[in-house]
Amino acid sequence: MQTQKILVSGQVQGVGFRWSARQLAQQLGVTGTVQNLPTGQVAIVASASAKVLSDFTHQLQRGLAPWIQVTDLAITDLPTRRFNEFRIII
């Protein structure tokens, strides 16, 4: 089990990115949180196995929908955290 902070840049606010990220996380078995930041970026804290996190970040980078444009992912390893689910922070 690993935990990563993923800072997502691009056209990711107001386009359903958080909802789409939550759907993907639930499909892959990732737990954690996703929230909009005042900078226009989205912050994700995600916990799963290394392989699952790699798949998750790869799919985020590829794009979750045609109207969502991810230009950059900055990934930082964090101390392992356990979450019960993957939730959107409003």
N, C-alpha and C. Protein backbone atom coordinates (compact mmCIF):
# COMPACT_ATOMS: atom_id res chain seq x y z
N MET A 1 0.85 -1.19 0.00
CA MET A 1 0.00 0.00 0.00
C MET A 1 0.89 1.24 0.00
N GLN A 2 0.56 2.17 -0.86
CA GLN A 2 1.26 3.45 -0.96
C GLN A 2 0.24 4.58 -0.95
N THR A 3 0.70 5.77 -0.60
CA THR A 3 -0.12 6.97 -0.69
C THR A 3 0.66 8.03 -1.45
N GLN A 4 -0.03 8.68 -2.39
CA GLN A 4 0.59 9.74 -3.17
C GLN A 4 -0.31 10.96 -3.20
N LYS A 5 0.34 12.13 -3.28
CA LYS A 5 -0.38 13.36 -3.57
C LYS A 5 -0.16 13.63 -5.04
N ILE A 6 -1.25 13.84 -5.76
CA ILE A 6 -1.20 14.09 -7.20
C ILE A 6 -1.79 15.47 -7.44
N LEU A 7 -0.97 16.39 -7.92
CA LEU A 7 -1.40 17.74 -8.22
C LEU A 7 -1.64 17.81 -9.73
N VAL A 8 -2.88 18.05 -10.12
CA VAL A 8 -3.28 18.00 -11.52
C VAL A 8 -3.49 19.41 -12.05
N SER A 9 -2.84 19.72 -13.16
CA SER A 9 -2.97 21.03 -13.80
C SER A 9 -3.62 20.86 -15.17
N GLY A 10 -4.24 21.93 -15.64
CA GLY A 10 -4.88 21.94 -16.95
C GLY A 10 -6.30 22.46 -16.84
N GLN A 11 -7.14 22.05 -17.78
CA GLN A 11 -8.56 22.40 -17.75
C GLN A 11 -9.26 21.32 -16.93
N VAL A 12 -9.20 21.50 -15.59
CA VAL A 12 -9.66 20.44 -14.69
C VAL A 12 -10.70 20.92 -13.66
N GLN A 13 -11.10 22.17 -13.73
CA GLN A 13 -12.16 22.65 -12.84
C GLN A 13 -13.35 23.07 -13.69
N GLY A 14 -14.54 22.73 -13.20
CA GLY A 14 -15.77 23.09 -13.90
C GLY A 14 -16.07 22.19 -15.08
N VAL A 15 -15.39 21.04 -15.16
CA VAL A 15 -15.58 20.13 -16.30
C VAL A 15 -15.88 18.70 -15.86
N GLY A 16 -16.16 18.50 -14.58
CA GLY A 16 -16.48 17.17 -14.08
C GLY A 16 -15.27 16.32 -13.75
N PHE A 17 -14.10 16.95 -13.59
CA PHE A 17 -12.89 16.17 -13.32
C PHE A 17 -12.98 15.42 -11.99
N ARG A 18 -13.41 16.08 -10.93
CA ARG A 18 -13.45 15.41 -9.62
C ARG A 18 -14.39 14.21 -9.65
N TRP A 19 -15.54 14.36 -10.24
CA TRP A 19 -16.49 13.27 -10.34
C TRP A 19 -15.90 12.13 -11.16
N SER A 20 -15.26 12.46 -12.28
CA SER A 20 -14.65 11.44 -13.13
C SER A 20 -13.49 10.73 -12.42
N ALA A 21 -12.70 11.49 -11.66
CA ALA A 21 -11.60 10.90 -10.90
C ALA A 21 -12.14 9.95 -9.84
N ARG A 22 -13.24 10.33 -9.20
CA ARG A 22 -13.84 9.46 -8.20
C ARG A 22 -14.35 8.17 -8.84
N GLN A 23 -14.98 8.27 -10.00
CA GLN A 23 -15.47 7.09 -10.70
C GLN A 23 -14.31 6.15 -11.04
N LEU A 24 -13.22 6.71 -11.58
CA LEU A 24 -12.04 5.91 -11.92
C LEU A 24 -11.45 5.26 -10.67
N ALA A 25 -11.33 6.03 -9.60
CA ALA A 25 -10.78 5.50 -8.35
C ALA A 25 -11.62 4.33 -7.84
N GLN A 26 -12.92 4.46 -7.90
CA GLN A 26 -13.80 3.39 -7.44
C GLN A 26 -13.64 2.14 -8.31
N GLN A 27 -13.48 2.32 -9.60
CA GLN A 27 -13.29 1.19 -10.51
C GLN A 27 -11.99 0.45 -10.21
N LEU A 28 -10.94 1.20 -9.88
CA LEU A 28 -9.62 0.61 -9.67
C LEU A 28 -9.36 0.19 -8.22
N GLY A 29 -10.22 0.62 -7.29
CA GLY A 29 -10.01 0.29 -5.89
C GLY A 29 -9.07 1.25 -5.17
N VAL A 30 -8.98 2.48 -5.67
CA VAL A 30 -8.18 3.53 -5.04
C VAL A 30 -9.04 4.23 -3.99
N THR A 31 -8.45 4.52 -2.83
CA THR A 31 -9.15 5.30 -1.81
C THR A 31 -8.42 6.63 -1.63
N GLY A 32 -9.13 7.63 -1.08
CA GLY A 32 -8.51 8.92 -0.84
C GLY A 32 -9.48 10.06 -1.03
N THR A 33 -8.94 11.19 -1.49
CA THR A 33 -9.74 12.40 -1.66
C THR A 33 -9.34 13.14 -2.93
N VAL A 34 -10.25 13.98 -3.40
CA VAL A 34 -9.99 14.87 -4.52
C VAL A 34 -10.66 16.20 -4.21
N GLN A 35 -9.94 17.31 -4.50
CA GLN A 35 -10.52 18.63 -4.23
C GLN A 35 -9.94 19.68 -5.17
N ASN A 36 -10.77 20.67 -5.49
CA ASN A 36 -10.31 21.82 -6.26
C ASN A 36 -9.46 22.71 -5.36
N LEU A 37 -8.46 23.34 -5.97
CA LEU A 37 -7.63 24.31 -5.27
C LEU A 37 -7.88 25.70 -5.84
N PRO A 38 -7.64 26.76 -5.06
CA PRO A 38 -7.84 28.13 -5.56
C PRO A 38 -6.94 28.46 -6.75
N THR A 39 -5.89 27.71 -6.97
CA THR A 39 -4.95 27.95 -8.08
C THR A 39 -5.50 27.50 -9.42
N GLY A 40 -6.64 26.79 -9.42
CA GLY A 40 -7.17 26.22 -10.65
C GLY A 40 -6.74 24.78 -10.85
N GLN A 41 -5.90 24.28 -9.97
CA GLN A 41 -5.47 22.89 -10.01
C GLN A 41 -6.40 22.04 -9.17
N VAL A 42 -6.22 20.72 -9.28
CA VAL A 42 -6.96 19.77 -8.46
C VAL A 42 -5.94 18.95 -7.69
N ALA A 43 -6.18 18.75 -6.39
CA ALA A 43 -5.31 17.94 -5.55
C ALA A 43 -5.99 16.61 -5.24
N ILE A 44 -5.24 15.53 -5.47
CA ILE A 44 -5.71 14.19 -5.16
C ILE A 44 -4.75 13.58 -4.14
N VAL A 45 -5.29 12.97 -3.11
CA VAL A 45 -4.50 12.13 -2.22
C VAL A 45 -5.06 10.73 -2.43
N ALA A 46 -4.20 9.81 -2.90
CA ALA A 46 -4.66 8.49 -3.31
C ALA A 46 -3.85 7.40 -2.64
N SER A 47 -4.54 6.35 -2.19
CA SER A 47 -3.88 5.19 -1.58
C SER A 47 -4.31 3.92 -2.31
N ALA A 48 -3.32 3.11 -2.63
CA ALA A 48 -3.55 1.81 -3.29
C ALA A 48 -2.20 1.14 -3.44
N SER A 49 -2.17 0.00 -4.09
CA SER A 49 -0.89 -0.65 -4.39
C SER A 49 -0.14 0.19 -5.43
N ALA A 50 1.16 -0.03 -5.52
CA ALA A 50 1.97 0.73 -6.49
C ALA A 50 1.45 0.54 -7.91
N LYS A 51 1.08 -0.68 -8.29
CA LYS A 51 0.58 -0.96 -9.64
C LYS A 51 -0.73 -0.21 -9.90
N VAL A 52 -1.63 -0.26 -8.94
CA VAL A 52 -2.93 0.41 -9.11
C VAL A 52 -2.73 1.93 -9.19
N LEU A 53 -1.86 2.50 -8.35
CA LEU A 53 -1.60 3.94 -8.42
C LEU A 53 -0.99 4.31 -9.76
N SER A 54 -0.12 3.48 -10.28
CA SER A 54 0.47 3.73 -11.60
C SER A 54 -0.62 3.74 -12.68
N ASP A 55 -1.52 2.77 -12.64
CA ASP A 55 -2.64 2.73 -13.59
C ASP A 55 -3.53 3.97 -13.44
N PHE A 56 -3.81 4.33 -12.20
CA PHE A 56 -4.66 5.49 -11.91
C PHE A 56 -4.05 6.77 -12.49
N THR A 57 -2.78 7.02 -12.21
CA THR A 57 -2.14 8.25 -12.70
C THR A 57 -2.01 8.24 -14.22
N HIS A 58 -1.76 7.07 -14.79
CA HIS A 58 -1.67 6.98 -16.26
C HIS A 58 -3.01 7.35 -16.90
N GLN A 59 -4.09 6.84 -16.33
CA GLN A 59 -5.41 7.15 -16.89
C GLN A 59 -5.80 8.60 -16.66
N LEU A 60 -5.38 9.17 -15.53
CA LEU A 60 -5.62 10.61 -15.30
C LEU A 60 -4.91 11.43 -16.36
N GLN A 61 -3.65 11.07 -16.64
CA GLN A 61 -2.84 11.80 -17.61
C GLN A 61 -3.43 11.71 -19.02
N ARG A 62 -3.91 10.52 -19.37
CA ARG A 62 -4.49 10.29 -20.70
C ARG A 62 -5.75 11.12 -20.91
N GLY A 63 -6.43 11.39 -19.82
CA GLY A 63 -7.66 12.18 -19.92
C GLY A 63 -8.87 11.33 -19.63
N LEU A 64 -9.75 11.85 -18.83
CA LEU A 64 -10.94 11.12 -18.41
C LEU A 64 -12.12 11.35 -19.35
N ALA A 65 -12.05 12.43 -20.11
CA ALA A 65 -13.11 12.78 -21.07
C ALA A 65 -12.52 13.79 -22.05
N PRO A 66 -13.09 13.91 -23.24
CA PRO A 66 -12.53 14.82 -24.24
C PRO A 66 -12.48 16.29 -23.80
N TRP A 67 -13.38 16.69 -22.93
CA TRP A 67 -13.44 18.10 -22.49
C TRP A 67 -12.53 18.38 -21.29
N ILE A 68 -11.91 17.35 -20.75
CA ILE A 68 -10.96 17.51 -19.64
C ILE A 68 -9.55 17.48 -20.21
N GLN A 69 -8.78 18.54 -20.00
CA GLN A 69 -7.43 18.63 -20.55
C GLN A 69 -6.40 18.68 -19.41
N VAL A 70 -5.75 17.55 -19.16
CA VAL A 70 -4.70 17.48 -18.14
C VAL A 70 -3.38 17.83 -18.82
N THR A 71 -2.71 18.88 -18.33
CA THR A 71 -1.42 19.28 -18.91
C THR A 71 -0.24 18.82 -18.08
N ASP A 72 -0.46 18.57 -16.78
CA ASP A 72 0.66 18.15 -15.94
C ASP A 72 0.15 17.43 -14.69
N LEU A 73 0.91 16.42 -14.28
CA LEU A 73 0.67 15.74 -13.00
C LEU A 73 1.96 15.83 -12.21
N ALA A 74 1.90 16.38 -11.00
CA ALA A 74 3.05 16.40 -10.09
C ALA A 74 2.74 15.41 -8.98
N ILE A 75 3.55 14.37 -8.88
CA ILE A 75 3.28 13.28 -7.95
C ILE A 75 4.32 13.29 -6.83
N THR A 76 3.82 13.26 -5.60
CA THR A 76 4.68 13.25 -4.41
C THR A 76 4.27 12.06 -3.54
N ASP A 77 5.25 11.27 -3.12
CA ASP A 77 4.96 10.18 -2.19
C ASP A 77 4.71 10.75 -0.80
N LEU A 78 3.71 10.20 -0.12
CA LEU A 78 3.35 10.60 1.24
C LEU A 78 3.45 9.39 2.16
N PRO A 79 3.51 9.61 3.46
CA PRO A 79 3.39 8.47 4.37
C PRO A 79 2.07 7.76 4.11
N THR A 80 2.08 6.45 4.22
CA THR A 80 0.89 5.67 3.92
C THR A 80 -0.28 6.07 4.81
N ARG A 81 -1.42 6.30 4.17
CA ARG A 81 -2.66 6.62 4.88
C ARG A 81 -3.73 5.65 4.41
N ARG A 82 -4.63 5.34 5.27
CA ARG A 82 -5.74 4.46 4.92
C ARG A 82 -7.03 5.28 4.94
N PHE A 83 -7.79 5.14 3.87
CA PHE A 83 -9.08 5.81 3.74
C PHE A 83 -10.15 4.72 3.57
N ASN A 84 -11.36 5.03 3.94
CA ASN A 84 -12.46 4.08 3.78
C ASN A 84 -13.03 4.08 2.37
N GLU A 85 -12.86 5.20 1.67
CA GLU A 85 -13.46 5.38 0.34
C GLU A 85 -12.68 6.45 -0.39
N PHE A 86 -13.11 6.75 -1.60
CA PHE A 86 -12.56 7.88 -2.35
C PHE A 86 -13.66 8.93 -2.40
N ARG A 87 -13.40 10.09 -1.83
CA ARG A 87 -14.47 11.09 -1.74
C ARG A 87 -14.03 12.45 -2.29
N ILE A 88 -15.01 13.19 -2.72
CA ILE A 88 -14.81 14.55 -3.21
C ILE A 88 -14.91 15.49 -2.01
N ILE A 89 -13.91 16.34 -1.85
CA ILE A 89 -13.95 17.39 -0.83
C ILE A 89 -14.44 18.66 -1.50
N ILE A 90 -15.51 19.22 -0.95
CA ILE A 90 -16.09 20.44 -1.54
C ILE A 90 -15.60 21.64 -0.80
